[in-house]
């Protein structure tokens, strides 16, 4: 049972989908100070992305888009992708990735922290 739980945690690590990789590359190309791209997936299927620098500060404008669509959804047009509708979020790091401690500090600054059960 313990191995199943561990396997589920490993597979739960979020990574960029193929459809997101081109957008990430474009954002990084226009953001020379970017060491990663924050990827926020909303419940509606829209995505928000922005580059982040070594201090956890924005290194690009926030881009909001929807795969295979000409426009973002009406709800996102109203509330600009409100954080209450976030389904998943993570940072796609540029290689070589920063040290683990720096990644944790940046992630906490950009995405916040979540209490962990004891």
PDB file of N, CA and C in Angstrom:
ATOM      1  N   UNK A   1       0.827  -1.196   0.000  1.00  0.00           N
ATOM      2  CA  UNK A   1       0.000   0.000   0.000  1.00  0.00           C
ATOM      3  C   UNK A   1       0.867   1.253   0.000  1.00  0.00           C
ATOM      4  N   UNK A   2       1.944   1.237   0.764  1.00  0.00           N
ATOM      5  CA  UNK A   2       2.824   2.405   0.832  1.00  0.00           C
ATOM      6  C   UNK A   2       3.444   2.706  -0.526  1.00  0.00           C
ATOM      7  N   UNK A   3       3.782   1.664  -1.299  1.00  0.00           N
ATOM      8  CA  UNK A   3       4.382   1.905  -2.611  1.00  0.00           C
ATOM      9  C   UNK A   3       3.389   2.537  -3.573  1.00  0.00           C
ATOM     10  N   UNK A   4       2.108   2.188  -3.443  1.00  0.00           N
ATOM     11  CA  UNK A   4       1.089   2.803  -4.295  1.00  0.00           C
ATOM     12  C   UNK A   4       0.970   4.287  -3.995  1.00  0.00           C
ATOM     13  N   UNK A   5       0.971   4.639  -2.722  1.00  0.00           N
ATOM     14  CA  UNK A   5       0.867   6.043  -2.325  1.00  0.00           C
ATOM     15  C   UNK A   5       2.072   6.824  -2.845  1.00  0.00           C
ATOM     16  N   UNK A   6       3.262   6.270  -2.674  1.00  0.00           N
ATOM     17  CA  UNK A   6       4.472   6.940  -3.136  1.00  0.00           C
ATOM     18  C   UNK A   6       4.425   7.126  -4.652  1.00  0.00           C
ATOM     19  N   UNK A   7       3.983   6.099  -5.370  1.00  0.00           N
ATOM     20  CA  UNK A   7       3.892   6.178  -6.821  1.00  0.00           C
ATOM     21  C   UNK A   7       2.898   7.269  -7.238  1.00  0.00           C
ATOM     22  N   UNK A   8       1.781   7.362  -6.516  1.00  0.00           N
ATOM     23  CA  UNK A   8       0.778   8.383  -6.830  1.00  0.00           C
ATOM     24  C   UNK A   8       1.359   9.779  -6.632  1.00  0.00           C
ATOM     25  N   UNK A   9       2.169   9.951  -5.581  1.00  0.00           N
ATOM     26  CA  UNK A   9       2.776  11.257  -5.339  1.00  0.00           C
ATOM     27  C   UNK A   9       3.766  11.611  -6.441  1.00  0.00           C
ATOM     28  N   UNK A  10       4.548  10.637  -6.889  1.00  0.00           N
ATOM     29  CA  UNK A  10       5.520  10.894  -7.956  1.00  0.00           C
ATOM     30  C   UNK A  10       4.803  11.253  -9.246  1.00  0.00           C
ATOM     31  N   UNK A  11       3.748  10.522  -9.586  1.00  0.00           N
ATOM     32  CA  UNK A  11       3.041  10.793 -10.838  1.00  0.00           C
ATOM     33  C   UNK A  11       2.242  12.089 -10.763  1.00  0.00           C
ATOM     34  N   UNK A  12       1.998  12.570  -9.558  1.00  0.00           N
ATOM     35  CA  UNK A  12       1.223  13.794  -9.407  1.00  0.00           C
ATOM     36  C   UNK A  12       2.051  15.052  -9.658  1.00  0.00           C
ATOM     37  N   UNK A  13       3.378  14.915  -9.786  1.00  0.00           N
ATOM     38  CA  UNK A  13       4.221  16.080 -10.054  1.00  0.00           C
ATOM     39  C   UNK A  13       3.792  16.690 -11.389  1.00  0.00           C
ATOM     40  N   UNK A  14       3.517  17.969 -11.364  1.00  0.00           N
ATOM     41  CA  UNK A  14       2.996  18.626 -12.559  1.00  0.00           C
ATOM     42  C   UNK A  14       4.110  19.024 -13.509  1.00  0.00           C
ATOM     43  N   UNK A  15       3.912  18.746 -14.774  1.00  0.00           N
ATOM     44  CA  UNK A  15       4.848  19.135 -15.817  1.00  0.00           C
ATOM     45  C   UNK A  15       4.057  19.758 -16.960  1.00  0.00           C
ATOM     46  N   UNK A  16       4.766  20.508 -17.780  1.00  0.00           N
ATOM     47  CA  UNK A  16       4.123  21.175 -18.910  1.00  0.00           C
ATOM     48  C   UNK A  16       3.614  20.143 -19.915  1.00  0.00           C
ATOM     49  N   UNK A  17       2.423  20.392 -20.415  1.00  0.00           N
ATOM     50  CA  UNK A  17       1.861  19.560 -21.463  1.00  0.00           C
ATOM     51  C   UNK A  17       2.458  20.006 -22.792  1.00  0.00           C
ATOM     52  N   UNK A  18       2.412  19.129 -23.785  1.00  0.00           N
ATOM     53  CA  UNK A  18       2.946  19.459 -25.119  1.00  0.00           C
ATOM     54  C   UNK A  18       2.360  20.771 -25.620  1.00  0.00           C
ATOM     55  N   UNK A  19       1.058  20.975 -25.421  1.00  0.00           N
ATOM     56  CA  UNK A  19       0.408  22.189 -25.915  1.00  0.00           C
ATOM     57  C   UNK A  19       0.904  23.448 -25.205  1.00  0.00           C
ATOM     58  N   UNK A  20       1.473  23.295 -24.010  1.00  0.00           N
ATOM     59  CA  UNK A  20       1.966  24.448 -23.254  1.00  0.00           C
ATOM     60  C   UNK A  20       3.430  24.762 -23.571  1.00  0.00           C
ATOM     61  N   UNK A  21       4.163  23.794 -24.063  1.00  0.00           N
ATOM     62  CA  UNK A  21       5.599  23.964 -24.258  1.00  0.00           C
ATOM     63  C   UNK A  21       5.951  25.078 -25.239  1.00  0.00           C
ATOM     64  N   UNK A  22       5.205  25.209 -26.330  1.00  0.00           N
ATOM     65  CA  UNK A  22       5.489  26.276 -27.298  1.00  0.00           C
ATOM     66  C   UNK A  22       5.255  27.652 -26.679  1.00  0.00           C
ATOM     67  N   UNK A  23       4.205  27.772 -25.899  1.00  0.00           N
ATOM     68  CA  UNK A  23       3.918  29.049 -25.233  1.00  0.00           C
ATOM     69  C   UNK A  23       5.020  29.366 -24.221  1.00  0.00           C
ATOM     70  N   UNK A  24       5.463  28.375 -23.483  1.00  0.00           N
ATOM     71  CA  UNK A  24       6.544  28.565 -22.508  1.00  0.00           C
ATOM     72  C   UNK A  24       7.815  29.028 -23.216  1.00  0.00           C
ATOM     73  N   UNK A  25       8.147  28.372 -24.329  1.00  0.00           N
ATOM     74  CA  UNK A  25       9.350  28.751 -25.091  1.00  0.00           C
ATOM     75  C   UNK A  25       9.249  30.188 -25.580  1.00  0.00           C
ATOM     76  N   UNK A  26       8.082  30.582 -26.073  1.00  0.00           N
ATOM     77  CA  UNK A  26       7.881  31.954 -26.547  1.00  0.00           C
ATOM     78  C   UNK A  26       8.013  32.975 -25.431  1.00  0.00           C
ATOM     79  N   UNK A  27       7.462  32.653 -24.269  1.00  0.00           N
ATOM     80  CA  UNK A  27       7.559  33.561 -23.121  1.00  0.00           C
ATOM     81  C   UNK A  27       9.022  33.718 -22.705  1.00  0.00           C
ATOM     82  N   UNK A  28       9.743  32.608 -22.623  1.00  0.00           N
ATOM     83  CA  UNK A  28      11.148  32.666 -22.220  1.00  0.00           C
ATOM     84  C   UNK A  28      12.008  33.400 -23.239  1.00  0.00           C
ATOM     85  N   UNK A  29      11.681  33.250 -24.508  1.00  0.00           N
ATOM     86  CA  UNK A  29      12.435  33.934 -25.560  1.00  0.00           C
ATOM     87  C   UNK A  29      12.366  35.448 -25.391  1.00  0.00           C
ATOM     88  N   UNK A  30      11.221  35.934 -24.960  1.00  0.00           N
ATOM     89  CA  UNK A  30      11.041  37.368 -24.759  1.00  0.00           C
ATOM     90  C   UNK A  30      11.375  37.834 -23.355  1.00  0.00           C
ATOM     91  N   UNK A  31      11.897  36.934 -22.533  1.00  0.00           N
ATOM     92  CA  UNK A  31      12.183  37.252 -21.131  1.00  0.00           C
ATOM     93  C   UNK A  31      13.589  36.785 -20.762  1.00  0.00           C
ATOM     94  N   UNK A  32      14.612  37.569 -21.122  1.00  0.00           N
ATOM     95  CA  UNK A  32      15.993  37.131 -20.879  1.00  0.00           C
ATOM     96  C   UNK A  32      16.324  36.887 -19.409  1.00  0.00           C
ATOM     97  N   UNK A  33      15.613  37.524 -18.490  1.00  0.00           N
ATOM     98  CA  UNK A  33      15.868  37.322 -17.064  1.00  0.00           C
ATOM     99  C   UNK A  33      15.080  36.145 -16.491  1.00  0.00           C
ATOM    100  N   UNK A  34      14.222  35.528 -17.285  1.00  0.00           N
ATOM    101  CA  UNK A  34      13.376  34.446 -16.796  1.00  0.00           C
ATOM    102  C   UNK A  34      14.160  33.177 -16.503  1.00  0.00           C
ATOM    103  N   UNK A  35      13.917  32.602 -15.327  1.00  0.00           N
ATOM    104  CA  UNK A  35      14.523  31.307 -14.984  1.00  0.00           C
ATOM    105  C   UNK A  35      13.447  30.223 -14.917  1.00  0.00           C
ATOM    106  N   UNK A  36      12.214  30.618 -15.165  1.00  0.00           N
ATOM    107  CA  UNK A  36      11.107  29.674 -15.162  1.00  0.00           C
ATOM    108  C   UNK A  36       9.844  30.365 -15.622  1.00  0.00           C
ATOM    109  N   UNK A  37       8.834  29.570 -15.900  1.00  0.00           N
ATOM    110  CA  UNK A  37       7.529  30.103 -16.300  1.00  0.00           C
ATOM    111  C   UNK A  37       6.479  29.523 -15.359  1.00  0.00           C
ATOM    112  N   UNK A  38       5.712  30.397 -14.741  1.00  0.00           N
ATOM    113  CA  UNK A  38       4.609  29.986 -13.894  1.00  0.00           C
ATOM    114  C   UNK A  38       3.465  29.561 -14.812  1.00  0.00           C
ATOM    115  N   UNK A  39       2.939  28.371 -14.579  1.00  0.00           N
ATOM    116  CA  UNK A  39       1.827  27.850 -15.366  1.00  0.00           C
ATOM    117  C   UNK A  39       0.649  27.662 -14.417  1.00  0.00           C
ATOM    118  N   UNK A  40      -0.450  28.334 -14.714  1.00  0.00           N
ATOM    119  CA  UNK A  40      -1.659  28.233 -13.907  1.00  0.00           C
ATOM    120  C   UNK A  40      -2.765  27.696 -14.813  1.00  0.00           C
ATOM    121  N   UNK A  41      -3.270  26.539 -14.452  1.00  0.00           N
ATOM    122  CA  UNK A  41      -4.365  25.920 -15.208  1.00  0.00           C
ATOM    123  C   UNK A  41      -5.664  26.195 -14.453  1.00  0.00           C
ATOM    124  N   UNK A  42      -6.616  26.774 -15.145  1.00  0.00           N
ATOM    125  CA  UNK A  42      -7.894  27.103 -14.533  1.00  0.00           C
ATOM    126  C   UNK A  42      -8.921  26.009 -14.796  1.00  0.00           C
ATOM    127  N   UNK A  43      -9.934  25.937 -13.951  1.00  0.00           N
ATOM    128  CA  UNK A  43     -10.985  24.920 -14.080  1.00  0.00           C
ATOM    129  C   UNK A  43     -11.667  24.948 -15.443  1.00  0.00           C
ATOM    130  N   UNK A  44     -11.733  26.112 -16.043  1.00  0.00           N
ATOM    131  CA  UNK A  44     -12.432  26.287 -17.316  1.00  0.00           C
ATOM    132  C   UNK A  44     -11.614  25.796 -18.514  1.00  0.00           C
ATOM    133  N   UNK A  45     -10.332  25.513 -18.302  1.00  0.00           N
ATOM    134  CA  UNK A  45      -9.470  25.082 -19.396  1.00  0.00           C
ATOM    135  C   UNK A  45      -8.542  26.169 -19.903  1.00  0.00           C
ATOM    136  N   UNK A  46      -8.750  27.400 -19.473  1.00  0.00           N
ATOM    137  CA  UNK A  46      -7.843  28.485 -19.846  1.00  0.00           C
ATOM    138  C   UNK A  46      -6.546  28.333 -19.052  1.00  0.00           C
ATOM    139  N   UNK A  47      -5.488  28.966 -19.552  1.00  0.00           N
ATOM    140  CA  UNK A  47      -4.176  28.926 -18.901  1.00  0.00           C
ATOM    141  C   UNK A  47      -3.675  30.356 -18.709  1.00  0.00           C
ATOM    142  N   UNK A  48      -2.967  30.568 -17.612  1.00  0.00           N
ATOM    143  CA  UNK A  48      -2.262  31.830 -17.382  1.00  0.00           C
ATOM    144  C   UNK A  48      -0.801  31.475 -17.222  1.00  0.00           C
ATOM    145  N   UNK A  49       0.077  32.255 -17.860  1.00  0.00           N
ATOM    146  CA  UNK A  49       1.513  32.012 -17.771  1.00  0.00           C
ATOM    147  C   UNK A  49       2.262  33.333 -17.696  1.00  0.00           C
ATOM    148  N   UNK A  50       3.409  33.287 -17.022  1.00  0.00           N
ATOM    149  CA  UNK A  50       4.310  34.434 -16.969  1.00  0.00           C
ATOM    150  C   UNK A  50       5.686  33.942 -16.552  1.00  0.00           C
ATOM    151  N   UNK A  51       6.711  34.587 -17.076  1.00  0.00           N
ATOM    152  CA  UNK A  51       8.080  34.259 -16.674  1.00  0.00           C
ATOM    153  C   UNK A  51       8.345  34.850 -15.300  1.00  0.00           C
ATOM    154  N   UNK A  52       9.255  34.199 -14.575  1.00  0.00           N
ATOM    155  CA  UNK A  52       9.654  34.652 -13.251  1.00  0.00           C
ATOM    156  C   UNK A  52      11.188  34.713 -13.224  1.00  0.00           C
ATOM    157  N   UNK A  53      11.725  35.727 -12.505  1.00  0.00           N
ATOM    158  CA  UNK A  53      13.185  35.859 -12.445  1.00  0.00           C
ATOM    159  C   UNK A  53      13.742  35.195 -11.189  1.00  0.00           C
ATOM    160  N   UNK A  54      15.054  35.299 -10.983  1.00  0.00           N
ATOM    161  CA  UNK A  54      15.744  34.611  -9.887  1.00  0.00           C
ATOM    162  C   UNK A  54      15.292  35.060  -8.506  1.00  0.00           C
ATOM    163  N   UNK A  55      14.626  36.220  -8.423  1.00  0.00           N
ATOM    164  CA  UNK A  55      14.133  36.729  -7.144  1.00  0.00           C
ATOM    165  C   UNK A  55      12.641  36.461  -6.948  1.00  0.00           C
ATOM    166  N   UNK A  56      12.026  35.754  -7.905  1.00  0.00           N
ATOM    167  CA  UNK A  56      10.592  35.480  -7.810  1.00  0.00           C
ATOM    168  C   UNK A  56       9.734  36.636  -8.272  1.00  0.00           C
ATOM    169  N   UNK A  57      10.343  37.570  -8.987  1.00  0.00           N
ATOM    170  CA  UNK A  57       9.607  38.724  -9.518  1.00  0.00           C
ATOM    171  C   UNK A  57       9.198  38.432 -10.960  1.00  0.00           C
ATOM    172  N   UNK A  58       8.133  39.083 -11.442  1.00  0.00           N
ATOM    173  CA  UNK A  58       7.719  38.873 -12.829  1.00  0.00           C
ATOM    174  C   UNK A  58       8.814  39.267 -13.807  1.00  0.00           C
ATOM    175  N   UNK A  59       9.022  38.433 -14.830  1.00  0.00           N
ATOM    176  CA  UNK A  59      10.000  38.735 -15.867  1.00  0.00           C
ATOM    177  C   UNK A  59       9.311  38.870 -17.224  1.00  0.00           C
ATOM    178  N   UNK A  60       7.977  38.863 -17.206  1.00  0.00           N
ATOM    179  CA  UNK A  60       7.187  39.057 -18.424  1.00  0.00           C
ATOM    180  C   UNK A  60       5.785  39.479 -18.016  1.00  0.00           C
ATOM    181  N   UNK A  61       4.996  39.832 -19.003  1.00  0.00           N
ATOM    182  CA  UNK A  61       3.584  40.085 -18.751  1.00  0.00           C
ATOM    183  C   UNK A  61       2.884  38.744 -18.571  1.00  0.00           C
ATOM    184  N   UNK A  62       1.733  38.774 -17.900  1.00  0.00           N
ATOM    185  CA  UNK A  62       0.917  37.570 -17.755  1.00  0.00           C
ATOM    186  C   UNK A  62       0.157  37.357 -19.051  1.00  0.00           C
ATOM    187  N   UNK A  63       0.232  36.143 -19.561  1.00  0.00           N
ATOM    188  CA  UNK A  63      -0.475  35.779 -20.782  1.00  0.00           C
ATOM    189  C   UNK A  63      -1.582  34.810 -20.395  1.00  0.00           C
ATOM    190  N   UNK A  64      -2.790  35.065 -20.880  1.00  0.00           N
ATOM    191  CA  UNK A  64      -3.894  34.152 -20.627  1.00  0.00           C
ATOM    192  C   UNK A  64      -4.412  33.684 -21.976  1.00  0.00           C
ATOM    193  N   UNK A  65      -4.582  32.385 -22.109  1.00  0.00           N
ATOM    194  CA  UNK A  65      -5.027  31.822 -23.385  1.00  0.00           C
ATOM    195  C   UNK A  65      -5.778  30.522 -23.148  1.00  0.00           C
ATOM    196  N   UNK A  66      -6.369  30.016 -24.208  1.00  0.00           N
ATOM    197  CA  UNK A  66      -7.086  28.744 -24.163  1.00  0.00           C
ATOM    198  C   UNK A  66      -6.665  27.941 -25.384  1.00  0.00           C
ATOM    199  N   UNK A  67      -6.229  26.689 -25.167  1.00  0.00           N
ATOM    200  CA  UNK A  67      -5.816  25.820 -26.271  1.00  0.00           C
ATOM    201  C   UNK A  67      -6.935  25.646 -27.285  1.00  0.00           C
ATOM    202  N   UNK A  68      -6.568  25.630 -28.543  1.00  0.00           N
ATOM    203  CA  UNK A  68      -7.503  25.352 -29.638  1.00  0.00           C
ATOM    204  C   UNK A  68      -8.696  26.307 -29.659  1.00  0.00           C
ATOM    205  N   UNK A  69      -8.524  27.515 -29.157  1.00  0.00           N
ATOM    206  CA  UNK A  69      -9.622  28.482 -29.142  1.00  0.00           C
ATOM    207  C   UNK A  69      -9.103  29.834 -29.604  1.00  0.00           C
ATOM    208  N   UNK A  70      -9.992  30.591 -30.206  1.00  0.00           N
ATOM    209  CA  UNK A  70      -9.601  31.926 -30.659  1.00  0.00           C
ATOM    210  C   UNK A  70      -9.539  32.918 -29.511  1.00  0.00           C
ATOM    211  N   UNK A  71     -10.237  32.613 -28.426  1.00  0.00           N
ATOM    212  CA  UNK A  71     -10.315  33.548 -27.319  1.00  0.00           C
ATOM    213  C   UNK A  71     -10.434  32.778 -25.998  1.00  0.00           C
ATOM    214  N   UNK A  72     -10.154  33.465 -24.920  1.00  0.00           N
ATOM    215  CA  UNK A  72     -10.363  32.871 -23.600  1.00  0.00           C
ATOM    216  C   UNK A  72     -11.869  32.794 -23.335  1.00  0.00           C
ATOM    217  N   UNK A  73     -12.259  32.044 -22.319  1.00  0.00           N
ATOM    218  CA  UNK A  73     -13.685  31.862 -22.024  1.00  0.00           C
ATOM    219  C   UNK A  73     -14.296  33.149 -21.461  1.00  0.00           C
ATOM    220  N   UNK A  74     -15.616  33.217 -21.481  1.00  0.00           N
ATOM    221  CA  UNK A  74     -16.327  34.404 -20.998  1.00  0.00           C
ATOM    222  C   UNK A  74     -16.056  34.666 -19.522  1.00  0.00           C
ATOM    223  N   UNK A  75     -15.950  33.600 -18.720  1.00  0.00           N
ATOM    224  CA  UNK A  75     -15.694  33.768 -17.289  1.00  0.00           C
ATOM    225  C   UNK A  75     -14.335  34.447 -17.066  1.00  0.00           C
ATOM    226  N   UNK A  76     -13.311  34.010 -17.817  1.00  0.00           N
ATOM    227  CA  UNK A  76     -11.989  34.638 -17.691  1.00  0.00           C
ATOM    228  C   UNK A  76     -12.004  36.079 -18.193  1.00  0.00           C
ATOM    229  N   UNK A  77     -12.824  36.348 -19.197  1.00  0.00           N
ATOM    230  CA  UNK A  77     -12.947  37.732 -19.668  1.00  0.00           C
ATOM    231  C   UNK A  77     -13.514  38.611 -18.558  1.00  0.00           C
ATOM    232  N   UNK A  78     -14.408  38.054 -17.753  1.00  0.00           N
ATOM    233  CA  UNK A  78     -15.022  38.802 -16.646  1.00  0.00           C
ATOM    234  C   UNK A  78     -14.063  38.996 -15.475  1.00  0.00           C
ATOM    235  N   UNK A  79     -13.399  37.896 -15.060  1.00  0.00           N
ATOM    236  CA  UNK A  79     -12.618  37.971 -13.815  1.00  0.00           C
ATOM    237  C   UNK A  79     -11.108  37.793 -13.994  1.00  0.00           C
ATOM    238  N   UNK A  80     -10.642  37.764 -15.249  1.00  0.00           N
ATOM    239  CA  UNK A  80      -9.216  37.644 -15.564  1.00  0.00           C
ATOM    240  C   UNK A  80      -8.593  36.376 -14.965  1.00  0.00           C
ATOM    241  N   UNK A  81      -9.368  35.311 -14.925  1.00  0.00           N
ATOM    242  CA  UNK A  81      -8.846  34.045 -14.402  1.00  0.00           C
ATOM    243  C   UNK A  81      -8.623  34.090 -12.909  1.00  0.00           C
ATOM    244  N   UNK A  82      -9.651  34.384 -12.153  1.00  0.00           N
ATOM    245  CA  UNK A  82      -9.583  34.525 -10.705  1.00  0.00           C
ATOM    246  C   UNK A  82      -8.906  33.322 -10.039  1.00  0.00           C
ATOM    247  N   UNK A  83      -8.111  33.590  -9.013  1.00  0.00           N
ATOM    248  CA  UNK A  83      -7.363  32.524  -8.345  1.00  0.00           C
ATOM    249  C   UNK A  83      -8.274  31.482  -7.699  1.00  0.00           C
ATOM    250  N   UNK A  84      -9.505  31.820  -7.420  1.00  0.00           N
ATOM    251  CA  UNK A  84     -10.443  30.867  -6.826  1.00  0.00           C
ATOM    252  C   UNK A  84     -10.796  29.737  -7.800  1.00  0.00           C
ATOM    253  N   UNK A  85     -10.508  29.938  -9.084  1.00  0.00           N
ATOM    254  CA  UNK A  85     -10.820  28.924 -10.093  1.00  0.00           C
ATOM    255  C   UNK A  85      -9.579  28.169 -10.565  1.00  0.00           C
ATOM    256  N   UNK A  86      -8.470  28.305  -9.841  1.00  0.00           N
ATOM    257  CA  UNK A  86      -7.239  27.606 -10.211  1.00  0.00           C
ATOM    258  C   UNK A  86      -7.402  26.115  -9.925  1.00  0.00           C
ATOM    259  N   UNK A  87      -7.101  25.289 -10.932  1.00  0.00           N
ATOM    260  CA  UNK A  87      -7.147  23.835 -10.764  1.00  0.00           C
ATOM    261  C   UNK A  87      -5.760  23.302 -10.422  1.00  0.00           C
ATOM    262  N   UNK A  88      -4.740  23.805 -11.095  1.00  0.00           N
ATOM    263  CA  UNK A  88      -3.356  23.374 -10.878  1.00  0.00           C
ATOM    264  C   UNK A  88      -2.430  24.542 -11.167  1.00  0.00           C
ATOM    265  N   UNK A  89      -1.291  24.561 -10.489  1.00  0.00           N
ATOM    266  CA  UNK A  89      -0.286  25.582 -10.778  1.00  0.00           C
ATOM    267  C   UNK A  89       1.091  25.033 -10.425  1.00  0.00           C
ATOM    268  N   UNK A  90       2.083  25.453 -11.187  1.00  0.00           N
ATOM    269  CA  UNK A  90       3.453  25.014 -10.964  1.00  0.00           C
ATOM    270  C   UNK A  90       4.383  25.947 -11.730  1.00  0.00           C
ATOM    271  N   UNK A  91       5.688  25.757 -11.532  1.00  0.00           N
ATOM    272  CA  UNK A  91       6.690  26.522 -12.271  1.00  0.00           C
ATOM    273  C   UNK A  91       7.473  25.557 -13.144  1.00  0.00           C
ATOM    274  N   UNK A  92       7.548  25.871 -14.427  1.00  0.00           N
ATOM    275  CA  UNK A  92       8.358  25.121 -15.380  1.00  0.00           C
ATOM    276  C   UNK A  92       9.731  25.794 -15.377  1.00  0.00           C
ATOM    277  N   UNK A  93      10.745  25.110 -14.854  1.00  0.00           N
ATOM    278  CA  UNK A  93      12.074  25.705 -14.674  1.00  0.00           C
ATOM    279  C   UNK A  93      12.928  25.561 -15.929  1.00  0.00           C
ATOM    280  N   UNK A  94      13.750  26.590 -16.169  1.00  0.00           N
ATOM    281  CA  UNK A  94      14.735  26.558 -17.243  1.00  0.00           C
ATOM    282  C   UNK A  94      15.903  25.698 -16.777  1.00  0.00           C
ATOM    283  N   UNK A  95      16.498  24.957 -17.697  1.00  0.00           N
ATOM    284  CA  UNK A  95      17.675  24.143 -17.378  1.00  0.00           C
ATOM    285  C   UNK A  95      18.938  24.996 -17.489  1.00  0.00           C
ATOM    286  N   UNK A  96      19.916  24.919 -16.645  1.00  0.00           N
ATOM    287  CA  UNK A  96      19.892  24.141 -15.413  1.00  0.00           C
ATOM    288  C   UNK A  96      18.987  24.806 -14.382  1.00  0.00           C
ATOM    289  N   UNK A  97      18.250  23.994 -13.662  1.00  0.00           N
ATOM    290  CA  UNK A  97      17.313  24.503 -12.662  1.00  0.00           C
ATOM    291  C   UNK A  97      18.064  25.138 -11.500  1.00  0.00           C
ATOM    292  N   UNK A  98      17.438  26.118 -10.841  1.00  0.00           N
ATOM    293  CA  UNK A  98      18.056  26.690  -9.638  1.00  0.00           C
ATOM    294  C   UNK A  98      18.152  25.622  -8.541  1.00  0.00           C
ATOM    295  N   UNK A  99      18.913  25.925  -7.505  1.00  0.00           N
ATOM    296  CA  UNK A  99      19.032  25.020  -6.359  1.00  0.00           C
ATOM    297  C   UNK A  99      17.654  24.808  -5.739  1.00  0.00           C
ATOM    298  N   UNK A 100      17.463  23.657  -5.122  1.00  0.00           N
ATOM    299  CA  UNK A 100      16.161  23.303  -4.538  1.00  0.00           C
ATOM    300  C   UNK A 100      15.651  24.355  -3.556  1.00  0.00           C
ATOM    301  N   UNK A 101      16.538  24.879  -2.719  1.00  0.00           N
ATOM    302  CA  UNK A 101      16.143  25.913  -1.760  1.00  0.00           C
ATOM    303  C   UNK A 101      15.628  27.167  -2.443  1.00  0.00           C
ATOM    304  N   UNK A 102      16.305  27.592  -3.503  1.00  0.00           N
ATOM    305  CA  UNK A 102      15.885  28.778  -4.247  1.00  0.00           C
ATOM    306  C   UNK A 102      14.541  28.509  -4.930  1.00  0.00           C
ATOM    307  N   UNK A 103      14.361  27.308  -5.471  1.00  0.00           N
ATOM    308  CA  UNK A 103      13.090  26.960  -6.107  1.00  0.00           C
ATOM    309  C   UNK A 103      11.949  27.026  -5.101  1.00  0.00           C
ATOM    310  N   UNK A 104      12.186  26.541  -3.889  1.00  0.00           N
ATOM    311  CA  UNK A 104      11.142  26.569  -2.858  1.00  0.00           C
ATOM    312  C   UNK A 104      10.777  27.996  -2.469  1.00  0.00           C
ATOM    313  N   UNK A 105      11.785  28.858  -2.331  1.00  0.00           N
ATOM    314  CA  UNK A 105      11.535  30.260  -1.977  1.00  0.00           C
ATOM    315  C   UNK A 105      10.727  30.950  -3.081  1.00  0.00           C
ATOM    316  N   UNK A 106      11.136  30.752  -4.331  1.00  0.00           N
ATOM    317  CA  UNK A 106      10.437  31.373  -5.462  1.00  0.00           C
ATOM    318  C   UNK A 106       9.018  30.835  -5.571  1.00  0.00           C
ATOM    319  N   UNK A 107       8.862  29.526  -5.457  1.00  0.00           N
ATOM    320  CA  UNK A 107       7.536  28.923  -5.554  1.00  0.00           C
ATOM    321  C   UNK A 107       6.610  29.467  -4.471  1.00  0.00           C
ATOM    322  N   UNK A 108       7.098  29.562  -3.237  1.00  0.00           N
ATOM    323  CA  UNK A 108       6.283  30.096  -2.140  1.00  0.00           C
ATOM    324  C   UNK A 108       5.904  31.553  -2.406  1.00  0.00           C
ATOM    325  N   UNK A 109       6.835  32.332  -2.923  1.00  0.00           N
ATOM    326  CA  UNK A 109       6.577  33.748  -3.197  1.00  0.00           C
ATOM    327  C   UNK A 109       5.553  33.919  -4.312  1.00  0.00           C
ATOM    328  N   UNK A 110       5.667  33.100  -5.357  1.00  0.00           N
ATOM    329  CA  UNK A 110       4.828  33.255  -6.543  1.00  0.00           C
ATOM    330  C   UNK A 110       3.473  32.560  -6.399  1.00  0.00           C
ATOM    331  N   UNK A 111       3.490  31.332  -5.888  1.00  0.00           N
ATOM    332  CA  UNK A 111       2.261  30.538  -5.837  1.00  0.00           C
ATOM    333  C   UNK A 111       1.666  30.426  -4.442  1.00  0.00           C
ATOM    334  N   UNK A 112       2.409  30.877  -3.436  1.00  0.00           N
ATOM    335  CA  UNK A 112       1.926  30.767  -2.062  1.00  0.00           C
ATOM    336  C   UNK A 112       2.287  29.409  -1.474  1.00  0.00           C
ATOM    337  N   UNK A 113       1.876  29.211  -0.253  1.00  0.00           N
ATOM    338  CA  UNK A 113       2.160  27.955   0.423  1.00  0.00           C
ATOM    339  C   UNK A 113       0.844  27.292   0.797  1.00  0.00           C
ATOM    340  N   UNK A 114       0.913  25.998   0.962  1.00  0.00           N
ATOM    341  CA  UNK A 114      -0.258  25.209   1.330  1.00  0.00           C
ATOM    342  C   UNK A 114       0.091  24.436   2.587  1.00  0.00           C
ATOM    343  N   UNK A 115      -0.769  24.446   3.587  1.00  0.00           N
ATOM    344  CA  UNK A 115      -0.459  23.686   4.799  1.00  0.00           C
ATOM    345  C   UNK A 115      -0.377  22.195   4.463  1.00  0.00           C
ATOM    346  N   UNK A 116       0.555  21.516   5.106  1.00  0.00           N
ATOM    347  CA  UNK A 116       0.694  20.082   4.879  1.00  0.00           C
ATOM    348  C   UNK A 116       0.185  19.340   6.106  1.00  0.00           C
ATOM    349  N   UNK A 117      -0.547  18.246   5.914  1.00  0.00           N
ATOM    350  CA  UNK A 117      -1.057  17.488   7.064  1.00  0.00           C
ATOM    351  C   UNK A 117       0.100  16.779   7.774  1.00  0.00           C
ATOM    352  N   UNK A 118      -0.017  16.646   9.059  1.00  0.00           N
ATOM    353  CA  UNK A 118       1.043  15.999   9.851  1.00  0.00           C
ATOM    354  C   UNK A 118       0.689  14.579  10.147  1.00  0.00           C
TER     355      UNK A 118
END
